Amino acid sequence: MTAFSAMVLGGGVLGLIFGSFLAALVMRWPEGRSVLSGRSCCDHCGRTLHAADLVPVLSHLASRGRCRGCGGRIDPVHMRMELGCAAIGVGAMLAAPVPQALGWMVLGWGLLALAVLDARHYWLPDALTLPLALLGFAVAPWITGVGLKEALVGAALGYGVLLALSLGYRAARGRDGLGLGDAKLLGALGAWFGWQALPFILLASSLLALAWVLLRALSGYAIDRTTRIAFGTFLCIAAIPAGVAARGLLASG
């Protein structure tokens, strides 16, 4: 095995480990359960899980997605998060040298956790979005090539644009239409990719959200003005492809 292959494999293994933690986070945190304290246990019967039950992906496959004690169904988000984080780890190692790859991993894992939380609970916690923004200020010059001034303007503009939309919608309709978590998330993305990337990210995420609505409508689901859309999920999905494309266009221009 070459050194490069070993690093790519290491990125995948690291992703599986972090994916297991993030799966517990997106399952427990919205319910007010501790993520860091206490032994892992079955969500149905409370049986304490042993080492054989905690091997990422393999344990899920071996148990056929069921608790060994009560037979209750294990939420597939566990394996999906593990596989998703592993894919992000491998992709980062393939796309960038090791110091930068670690930064891309952290960004990707953070966005994946936020995407799942918003899709399942319509929740983008400050405890994830704000550290993501601070990390962007710290490492973006080495990861995405964004200078501190660009990052500061990007964060302010990203937050300000969606904040203005949220306040405008509330004033016009008398109810909330866009959560401030979306504004904070876009501000964090502005810190990572600079203000120039924000139109690309907003356009890509809006198109994804529109495609989701159309697919739901074509599938027979009722769509009306009260339908909730987890826009933060689409921001997370679009962020890296659209942000990288925008930085590439700036560099080539």
C-alpha atoms as a PDB file:
ATOM      1  CA  MET A   1       0.000   0.000   0.000  1.00  0.00           C
ATOM      2  CA  THR A   2       1.392   3.392  -0.969  1.00  0.00           C
ATOM      3  CA  ALA A   3       1.559   6.310   1.450  1.00  0.00           C
ATOM      4  CA  PHE A   4      -1.157   8.103  -0.529  1.00  0.00           C
ATOM      5  CA  SER A   5      -3.467   5.078  -0.391  1.00  0.00           C
ATOM      6  CA  ALA A   6      -2.879   4.810   3.344  1.00  0.00           C
ATOM      7  CA  MET A   7      -3.821   8.463   3.834  1.00  0.00           C
ATOM      8  CA  VAL A   8      -6.994   8.037   1.779  1.00  0.00           C
ATOM      9  CA  LEU A   9      -7.905   4.950   3.800  1.00  0.00           C
ATOM     10  CA  GLY A  10      -7.128   6.855   6.984  1.00  0.00           C
ATOM     11  CA  GLY A  11      -9.499   9.615   5.908  1.00  0.00           C
ATOM     12  CA  GLY A  12     -12.255   7.042   5.482  1.00  0.00           C
ATOM     13  CA  VAL A  13     -11.608   5.421   8.863  1.00  0.00           C
ATOM     14  CA  LEU A  14     -11.484   8.816  10.564  1.00  0.00           C
ATOM     15  CA  GLY A  15     -14.788   9.637   8.897  1.00  0.00           C
ATOM     16  CA  LEU A  16     -16.382   6.437  10.197  1.00  0.00           C
ATOM     17  CA  ILE A  17     -15.310   7.309  13.744  1.00  0.00           C
ATOM     18  CA  PHE A  18     -16.537  10.893  13.598  1.00  0.00           C
ATOM     19  CA  GLY A  19     -19.673   9.752  11.799  1.00  0.00           C
ATOM     20  CA  SER A  20     -20.530   7.466  14.703  1.00  0.00           C
ATOM     21  CA  PHE A  21     -20.223  10.399  17.114  1.00  0.00           C
ATOM     22  CA  LEU A  22     -22.204  12.761  14.889  1.00  0.00           C
ATOM     23  CA  ALA A  23     -24.952  10.157  14.493  1.00  0.00           C
ATOM     24  CA  ALA A  24     -25.326  10.055  18.265  1.00  0.00           C
ATOM     25  CA  LEU A  25     -25.335  13.865  18.300  1.00  0.00           C
ATOM     26  CA  VAL A  26     -28.154  14.262  15.771  1.00  0.00           C
ATOM     27  CA  MET A  27     -30.177  11.575  17.546  1.00  0.00           C
ATOM     28  CA  ARG A  28     -29.717  12.652  21.161  1.00  0.00           C
ATOM     29  CA  TRP A  29     -29.171  16.415  21.125  1.00  0.00           C
ATOM     30  CA  PRO A  30     -32.652  17.446  19.908  1.00  0.00           C
ATOM     31  CA  GLU A  31     -34.154  15.248  22.625  1.00  0.00           C
ATOM     32  CA  GLY A  32     -32.078  16.905  25.347  1.00  0.00           C
ATOM     33  CA  ARG A  33     -30.030  13.773  25.992  1.00  0.00           C
ATOM     34  CA  SER A  34     -26.319  13.962  26.725  1.00  0.00           C
ATOM     35  CA  VAL A  35     -23.978  13.145  23.872  1.00  0.00           C
ATOM     36  CA  LEU A  36     -20.719  12.943  25.802  1.00  0.00           C
ATOM     37  CA  SER A  37     -21.664  11.369  29.109  1.00  0.00           C
ATOM     38  CA  GLY A  38     -22.895   7.864  29.817  1.00  0.00           C
ATOM     39  CA  ARG A  39     -22.566   4.602  27.930  1.00  0.00           C
ATOM     40  CA  SER A  40     -24.191   4.159  24.528  1.00  0.00           C
ATOM     41  CA  CYS A  41     -27.470   2.273  24.769  1.00  0.00           C
ATOM     42  CA  CYS A  42     -30.396   1.074  22.679  1.00  0.00           C
ATOM     43  CA  ASP A  43     -32.920   3.834  21.985  1.00  0.00           C
ATOM     44  CA  HIS A  44     -35.775   1.364  22.563  1.00  0.00           C
ATOM     45  CA  CYS A  45     -34.936  -0.879  25.535  1.00  0.00           C
ATOM     46  CA  GLY A  46     -31.998   1.003  27.060  1.00  0.00           C
ATOM     47  CA  ARG A  47     -29.639  -1.981  26.831  1.00  0.00           C
ATOM     48  CA  THR A  48     -26.023  -0.898  27.222  1.00  0.00           C
ATOM     49  CA  LEU A  49     -24.164  -1.384  23.967  1.00  0.00           C
ATOM     50  CA  HIS A  50     -20.876  -3.272  24.016  1.00  0.00           C
ATOM     51  CA  ALA A  51     -17.815  -2.893  21.808  1.00  0.00           C
ATOM     52  CA  ALA A  52     -19.170  -5.367  19.251  1.00  0.00           C
ATOM     53  CA  ASP A  53     -22.286  -3.200  18.863  1.00  0.00           C
ATOM     54  CA  LEU A  54     -20.322  -0.012  18.212  1.00  0.00           C
ATOM     55  CA  VAL A  55     -18.174  -0.870  15.208  1.00  0.00           C
ATOM     56  CA  PRO A  56     -19.211   1.661  12.542  1.00  0.00           C
ATOM     57  CA  VAL A  57     -21.292   0.206   9.673  1.00  0.00           C
ATOM     58  CA  LEU A  58     -20.252  -3.419  10.368  1.00  0.00           C
ATOM     59  CA  SER A  59     -22.247  -3.677  13.601  1.00  0.00           C
ATOM     60  CA  HIS A  60     -25.326  -2.342  11.836  1.00  0.00           C
ATOM     61  CA  LEU A  61     -24.953  -4.857   9.017  1.00  0.00           C
ATOM     62  CA  ALA A  62     -24.246  -7.770  11.368  1.00  0.00           C
ATOM     63  CA  SER A  63     -27.352  -7.065  13.447  1.00  0.00           C
ATOM     64  CA  ARG A  64     -29.445  -6.348  10.338  1.00  0.00           C
ATOM     65  CA  GLY A  65     -30.330  -2.975  11.756  1.00  0.00           C
ATOM     66  CA  ARG A  66     -31.951  -4.410  14.887  1.00  0.00           C
ATOM     67  CA  CYS A  67     -31.085  -4.270  18.574  1.00  0.00           C
ATOM     68  CA  ARG A  68     -29.614  -7.597  19.716  1.00  0.00           C
ATOM     69  CA  GLY A  69     -31.642  -7.374  22.924  1.00  0.00           C
ATOM     70  CA  CYS A  70     -35.160  -6.232  22.065  1.00  0.00           C
ATOM     71  CA  GLY A  71     -35.131  -6.478  18.280  1.00  0.00           C
ATOM     72  CA  GLY A  72     -36.097  -2.825  17.920  1.00  0.00           C
ATOM     73  CA  ARG A  73     -35.193  -1.096  14.672  1.00  0.00           C
ATOM     74  CA  ILE A  74     -31.984   0.940  14.803  1.00  0.00           C
ATOM     75  CA  ASP A  75     -32.438   4.315  13.157  1.00  0.00           C
ATOM     76  CA  PRO A  76     -30.630   4.136   9.782  1.00  0.00           C
ATOM     77  CA  VAL A  77     -29.282   7.635  10.386  1.00  0.00           C
ATOM     78  CA  HIS A  78     -26.450   5.942  12.318  1.00  0.00           C
ATOM     79  CA  MET A  79     -25.081   4.068   9.320  1.00  0.00           C
ATOM     80  CA  ARG A  80     -25.875   6.891   6.912  1.00  0.00           C
ATOM     81  CA  MET A  81     -23.915   9.392   8.987  1.00  0.00           C
ATOM     82  CA  GLU A  82     -20.992   6.996   9.271  1.00  0.00           C
ATOM     83  CA  LEU A  83     -20.922   6.338   5.534  1.00  0.00           C
ATOM     84  CA  GLY A  84     -21.417  10.022   4.738  1.00  0.00           C
ATOM     85  CA  CYS A  85     -18.551  11.112   6.968  1.00  0.00           C
ATOM     86  CA  ALA A  86     -16.347   8.340   5.558  1.00  0.00           C
ATOM     87  CA  ALA A  87     -17.077   9.557   2.020  1.00  0.00           C
ATOM     88  CA  ILE A  88     -16.223  13.114   3.061  1.00  0.00           C
ATOM     89  CA  GLY A  89     -12.951  11.922   4.619  1.00  0.00           C
ATOM     90  CA  VAL A  90     -11.946  10.000   1.495  1.00  0.00           C
ATOM     91  CA  GLY A  91     -12.981  12.843  -0.808  1.00  0.00           C
ATOM     92  CA  ALA A  92     -11.012  15.396   1.188  1.00  0.00           C
ATOM     93  CA  MET A  93      -7.878  13.247   1.089  1.00  0.00           C
ATOM     94  CA  LEU A  94      -8.235  12.777  -2.669  1.00  0.00           C
ATOM     95  CA  ALA A  95      -8.828  16.468  -3.327  1.00  0.00           C
ATOM     96  CA  ALA A  96      -6.281  18.223  -1.120  1.00  0.00           C
ATOM     97  CA  PRO A  97      -2.951  17.702   0.675  1.00  0.00           C
ATOM     98  CA  VAL A  98      -3.098  16.623   4.299  1.00  0.00           C
ATOM     99  CA  PRO A  99      -3.197  19.952   6.179  1.00  0.00           C
ATOM    100  CA  GLN A 100      -5.914  21.360   3.916  1.00  0.00           C
ATOM    101  CA  ALA A 101      -7.733  18.023   3.724  1.00  0.00           C
ATOM    102  CA  LEU A 102      -8.312  18.087   7.472  1.00  0.00           C
ATOM    103  CA  GLY A 103      -9.970  21.484   7.162  1.00  0.00           C
ATOM    104  CA  TRP A 104     -12.234  20.243   4.373  1.00  0.00           C
ATOM    105  CA  MET A 105     -13.160  17.230   6.506  1.00  0.00           C
ATOM    106  CA  VAL A 106     -14.208  19.368   9.446  1.00  0.00           C
ATOM    107  CA  LEU A 107     -16.253  21.644   7.193  1.00  0.00           C
ATOM    108  CA  GLY A 108     -17.912  18.692   5.463  1.00  0.00           C
ATOM    109  CA  TRP A 109     -18.698  16.868   8.685  1.00  0.00           C
ATOM    110  CA  GLY A 110     -20.120  20.015  10.266  1.00  0.00           C
ATOM    111  CA  LEU A 111     -22.325  20.687   7.244  1.00  0.00           C
ATOM    112  CA  LEU A 112     -23.533  17.083   7.185  1.00  0.00           C
ATOM    113  CA  ALA A 113     -24.571  17.250  10.849  1.00  0.00           C
ATOM    114  CA  LEU A 114     -26.351  20.568  10.294  1.00  0.00           C
ATOM    115  CA  ALA A 115     -28.083  19.249   7.167  1.00  0.00           C
ATOM    116  CA  VAL A 116     -29.470  16.247   9.043  1.00  0.00           C
ATOM    117  CA  LEU A 117     -30.529  18.286  12.078  1.00  0.00           C
ATOM    118  CA  ASP A 118     -32.394  20.752   9.894  1.00  0.00           C
ATOM    119  CA  ALA A 119     -34.001  18.033   7.776  1.00  0.00           C
ATOM    120  CA  ARG A 120     -35.198  16.103  10.833  1.00  0.00           C
ATOM    121  CA  HIS A 121     -35.931  18.900  13.291  1.00  0.00           C
ATOM    122  CA  TYR A 122     -35.828  22.238  11.423  1.00  0.00           C
ATOM    123  CA  TRP A 123     -33.015  23.227  13.755  1.00  0.00           C
ATOM    124  CA  LEU A 124     -29.611  24.794  13.089  1.00  0.00           C
ATOM    125  CA  PRO A 125     -28.061  25.174  16.550  1.00  0.00           C
ATOM    126  CA  ASP A 126     -25.799  28.133  17.302  1.00  0.00           C
ATOM    127  CA  ALA A 127     -23.434  25.690  18.994  1.00  0.00           C
ATOM    128  CA  LEU A 128     -22.543  24.377  15.513  1.00  0.00           C
ATOM    129  CA  THR A 129     -23.017  27.345  13.166  1.00  0.00           C
ATOM    130  CA  LEU A 130     -21.052  29.883  15.225  1.00  0.00           C
ATOM    131  CA  PRO A 131     -17.957  27.684  15.770  1.00  0.00           C
ATOM    132  CA  LEU A 132     -18.090  26.868  12.053  1.00  0.00           C
ATOM    133  CA  ALA A 133     -17.914  30.592  11.300  1.00  0.00           C
ATOM    134  CA  LEU A 134     -15.036  31.161  13.741  1.00  0.00           C
ATOM    135  CA  LEU A 135     -13.150  28.234  12.233  1.00  0.00           C
ATOM    136  CA  GLY A 136     -13.674  29.750   8.795  1.00  0.00           C
ATOM    137  CA  PHE A 137     -12.039  32.995   9.905  1.00  0.00           C
ATOM    138  CA  ALA A 138      -9.098  31.027  11.276  1.00  0.00           C
ATOM    139  CA  VAL A 139      -8.372  28.548   8.486  1.00  0.00           C
ATOM    140  CA  ALA A 140     -10.052  29.834   5.305  1.00  0.00           C
ATOM    141  CA  PRO A 141      -6.882  31.583   4.045  1.00  0.00           C
ATOM    142  CA  TRP A 142      -5.149  28.179   3.896  1.00  0.00           C
ATOM    143  CA  ILE A 143      -8.155  26.088   2.877  1.00  0.00           C
ATOM    144  CA  THR A 144     -10.177  28.151   0.398  1.00  0.00           C
ATOM    145  CA  GLY A 145      -7.821  31.073  -0.213  1.00  0.00           C
ATOM    146  CA  VAL A 146     -10.196  33.620   1.331  1.00  0.00           C
ATOM    147  CA  GLY A 147      -8.513  36.546   3.053  1.00  0.00           C
ATOM    148  CA  LEU A 148      -9.664  37.787   6.438  1.00  0.00           C
ATOM    149  CA  LYS A 149     -11.299  40.895   4.973  1.00  0.00           C
ATOM    150  CA  GLU A 150     -13.247  38.806   2.446  1.00  0.00           C
ATOM    151  CA  ALA A 151     -14.274  36.423   5.210  1.00  0.00           C
ATOM    152  CA  LEU A 152     -15.502  39.208   7.479  1.00  0.00           C
ATOM    153  CA  VAL A 153     -17.491  40.837   4.687  1.00  0.00           C
ATOM    154  CA  GLY A 154     -18.823  37.424   3.642  1.00  0.00           C
ATOM    155  CA  ALA A 155     -19.978  36.578   7.143  1.00  0.00           C
ATOM    156  CA  ALA A 156     -21.662  39.950   7.635  1.00  0.00           C
ATOM    157  CA  LEU A 157     -23.282  39.942   4.202  1.00  0.00           C
ATOM    158  CA  GLY A 158     -24.410  36.320   4.398  1.00  0.00           C
ATOM    159  CA  TYR A 159     -26.053  36.875   7.763  1.00  0.00           C
ATOM    160  CA  GLY A 160     -27.432  40.287   6.818  1.00  0.00           C
ATOM    161  CA  VAL A 161     -29.104  39.215   3.571  1.00  0.00           C
ATOM    162  CA  LEU A 162     -31.123  36.384   5.101  1.00  0.00           C
ATOM    163  CA  LEU A 163     -31.818  38.409   8.248  1.00  0.00           C
ATOM    164  CA  ALA A 164     -33.326  41.156   6.078  1.00  0.00           C
ATOM    165  CA  LEU A 165     -35.418  38.575   4.194  1.00  0.00           C
ATOM    166  CA  SER A 166     -36.616  37.074   7.468  1.00  0.00           C
ATOM    167  CA  LEU A 167     -37.592  40.428   8.960  1.00  0.00           C
ATOM    168  CA  GLY A 168     -39.219  41.541   5.707  1.00  0.00           C
ATOM    169  CA  TYR A 169     -41.305  38.373   5.484  1.00  0.00           C
ATOM    170  CA  ARG A 170     -42.390  38.709   9.114  1.00  0.00           C
ATOM    171  CA  ALA A 171     -43.402  42.339   8.576  1.00  0.00           C
ATOM    172  CA  ALA A 172     -45.342  41.520   5.398  1.00  0.00           C
ATOM    173  CA  ARG A 173     -47.014  38.266   6.475  1.00  0.00           C
ATOM    174  CA  GLY A 174     -47.150  38.562  10.250  1.00  0.00           C
ATOM    175  CA  ARG A 175     -45.356  35.244  10.808  1.00  0.00           C
ATOM    176  CA  ASP A 176     -41.895  33.782  10.520  1.00  0.00           C
ATOM    177  CA  GLY A 177     -40.918  32.407   7.141  1.00  0.00           C
ATOM    178  CA  LEU A 178     -37.161  31.997   7.467  1.00  0.00           C
ATOM    179  CA  GLY A 179     -35.283  30.986  10.590  1.00  0.00           C
ATOM    180  CA  LEU A 180     -32.307  32.960  11.824  1.00  0.00           C
ATOM    181  CA  GLY A 181     -30.349  29.708  11.881  1.00  0.00           C
ATOM    182  CA  ASP A 182     -30.308  29.908   8.077  1.00  0.00           C
ATOM    183  CA  ALA A 183     -28.877  33.419   8.272  1.00  0.00           C
ATOM    184  CA  LYS A 184     -26.151  32.338  10.684  1.00  0.00           C
ATOM    185  CA  LEU A 185     -25.314  29.362   8.506  1.00  0.00           C
ATOM    186  CA  LEU A 186     -24.973  31.527   5.394  1.00  0.00           C
ATOM    187  CA  GLY A 187     -22.799  33.894   7.427  1.00  0.00           C
ATOM    188  CA  ALA A 188     -20.548  30.973   8.350  1.00  0.00           C
ATOM    189  CA  LEU A 189     -20.323  29.962   4.681  1.00  0.00           C
ATOM    190  CA  GLY A 190     -19.412  33.541   3.818  1.00  0.00           C
ATOM    191  CA  ALA A 191     -16.524  33.255   6.273  1.00  0.00           C
ATOM    192  CA  TRP A 192     -15.287  30.106   4.537  1.00  0.00           C
ATOM    193  CA  PHE A 193     -15.782  31.090   0.886  1.00  0.00           C
ATOM    194  CA  GLY A 194     -15.908  34.905   0.890  1.00  0.00           C
ATOM    195  CA  TRP A 195     -18.703  37.257  -0.038  1.00  0.00           C
ATOM    196  CA  GLN A 196     -18.234  36.632  -3.769  1.00  0.00           C
ATOM    197  CA  ALA A 197     -19.376  33.014  -3.395  1.00  0.00           C
ATOM    198  CA  LEU A 198     -22.655  33.852  -1.657  1.00  0.00           C
ATOM    199  CA  PRO A 199     -24.740  34.387  -4.853  1.00  0.00           C
ATOM    200  CA  PHE A 200     -23.552  31.008  -6.160  1.00  0.00           C
ATOM    201  CA  ILE A 201     -24.412  29.253  -2.898  1.00  0.00           C
ATOM    202  CA  LEU A 202     -27.811  30.918  -2.638  1.00  0.00           C
ATOM    203  CA  LEU A 203     -28.684  30.162  -6.258  1.00  0.00           C
ATOM    204  CA  ALA A 204     -27.614  26.504  -6.026  1.00  0.00           C
ATOM    205  CA  SER A 205     -29.430  25.926  -2.719  1.00  0.00           C
ATOM    206  CA  SER A 206     -32.593  27.642  -3.975  1.00  0.00           C
ATOM    207  CA  LEU A 207     -32.620  25.478  -7.111  1.00  0.00           C
ATOM    208  CA  LEU A 208     -32.168  22.355  -4.982  1.00  0.00           C
ATOM    209  CA  ALA A 209     -35.034  23.405  -2.707  1.00  0.00           C
ATOM    210  CA  LEU A 210     -37.247  24.103  -5.733  1.00  0.00           C
ATOM    211  CA  ALA A 211     -36.398  20.690  -7.219  1.00  0.00           C
ATOM    212  CA  TRP A 212     -37.298  19.045  -3.889  1.00  0.00           C
ATOM    213  CA  VAL A 213     -40.677  20.811  -3.820  1.00  0.00           C
ATOM    214  CA  LEU A 214     -41.416  19.775  -7.407  1.00  0.00           C
ATOM    215  CA  LEU A 215     -40.464  16.167  -6.724  1.00  0.00           C
ATOM    216  CA  ARG A 216     -42.684  16.112  -3.645  1.00  0.00           C
ATOM    217  CA  ALA A 217     -45.578  17.527  -5.657  1.00  0.00           C
ATOM    218  CA  LEU A 218     -45.071  15.003  -8.450  1.00  0.00           C
ATOM    219  CA  SER A 219     -44.976  12.220  -5.852  1.00  0.00           C
ATOM    220  CA  GLY A 220     -48.454  13.131  -4.668  1.00  0.00           C
ATOM    221  CA  TYR A 221     -47.632  15.077  -1.506  1.00  0.00           C
ATOM    222  CA  ALA A 222     -49.768  18.122  -0.826  1.00  0.00           C
ATOM    223  CA  ILE A 223     -47.741  21.295  -1.294  1.00  0.00           C
ATOM    224  CA  ASP A 224     -49.147  24.656  -0.212  1.00  0.00           C
ATOM    225  CA  ARG A 225     -48.064  27.898   1.420  1.00  0.00           C
ATOM    226  CA  THR A 226     -47.822  26.187   4.814  1.00  0.00           C
ATOM    227  CA  THR A 227     -45.351  23.520   3.628  1.00  0.00           C
ATOM    228  CA  ARG A 228     -42.128  23.727   5.640  1.00  0.00           C
ATOM    229  CA  ILE A 229     -38.817  23.564   3.812  1.00  0.00           C
ATOM    230  CA  ALA A 230     -35.574  22.866   5.639  1.00  0.00           C
ATOM    231  CA  PHE A 231     -33.662  25.465   3.623  1.00  0.00           C
ATOM    232  CA  GLY A 232     -30.575  25.029   5.795  1.00  0.00           C
ATOM    233  CA  THR A 233     -30.268  21.460   4.517  1.00  0.00           C
ATOM    234  CA  PHE A 234     -30.052  22.709   0.942  1.00  0.00           C
ATOM    235  CA  LEU A 235     -27.548  25.386   1.951  1.00  0.00           C
ATOM    236  CA  CYS A 236     -25.372  22.653   3.439  1.00  0.00           C
ATOM    237  CA  ILE A 237     -25.632  20.457   0.337  1.00  0.00           C
ATOM    238  CA  ALA A 238     -24.836  23.302  -2.058  1.00  0.00           C
ATOM    239  CA  ALA A 239     -22.147  24.994   0.036  1.00  0.00           C
ATOM    240  CA  ILE A 240     -18.965  23.162  -0.953  1.00  0.00           C
ATOM    241  CA  PRO A 241     -19.686  22.543  -4.672  1.00  0.00           C
ATOM    242  CA  ALA A 242     -20.972  26.088  -5.242  1.00  0.00           C
ATOM    243  CA  GLY A 243     -18.326  27.673  -3.024  1.00  0.00           C
ATOM    244  CA  VAL A 244     -15.473  25.835  -4.729  1.00  0.00           C
ATOM    245  CA  ALA A 245     -16.881  26.684  -8.159  1.00  0.00           C
ATOM    246  CA  ALA A 246     -17.104  30.355  -7.214  1.00  0.00           C
ATOM    247  CA  ARG A 247     -13.511  30.423  -5.929  1.00  0.00           C
ATOM    248  CA  GLY A 248     -12.379  28.675  -9.107  1.00  0.00           C
ATOM    249  CA  LEU A 249     -14.073  31.278 -11.307  1.00  0.00           C
ATOM    250  CA  LEU A 250     -12.493  34.086  -9.302  1.00  0.00           C
ATOM    251  CA  ALA A 251      -9.059  32.516  -9.618  1.00  0.00           C
ATOM    252  CA  SER A 252      -9.404  31.987 -13.372  1.00  0.00           C
ATOM    253  CA  GLY A 253     -10.800  35.464 -13.955  1.00  0.00           C
END
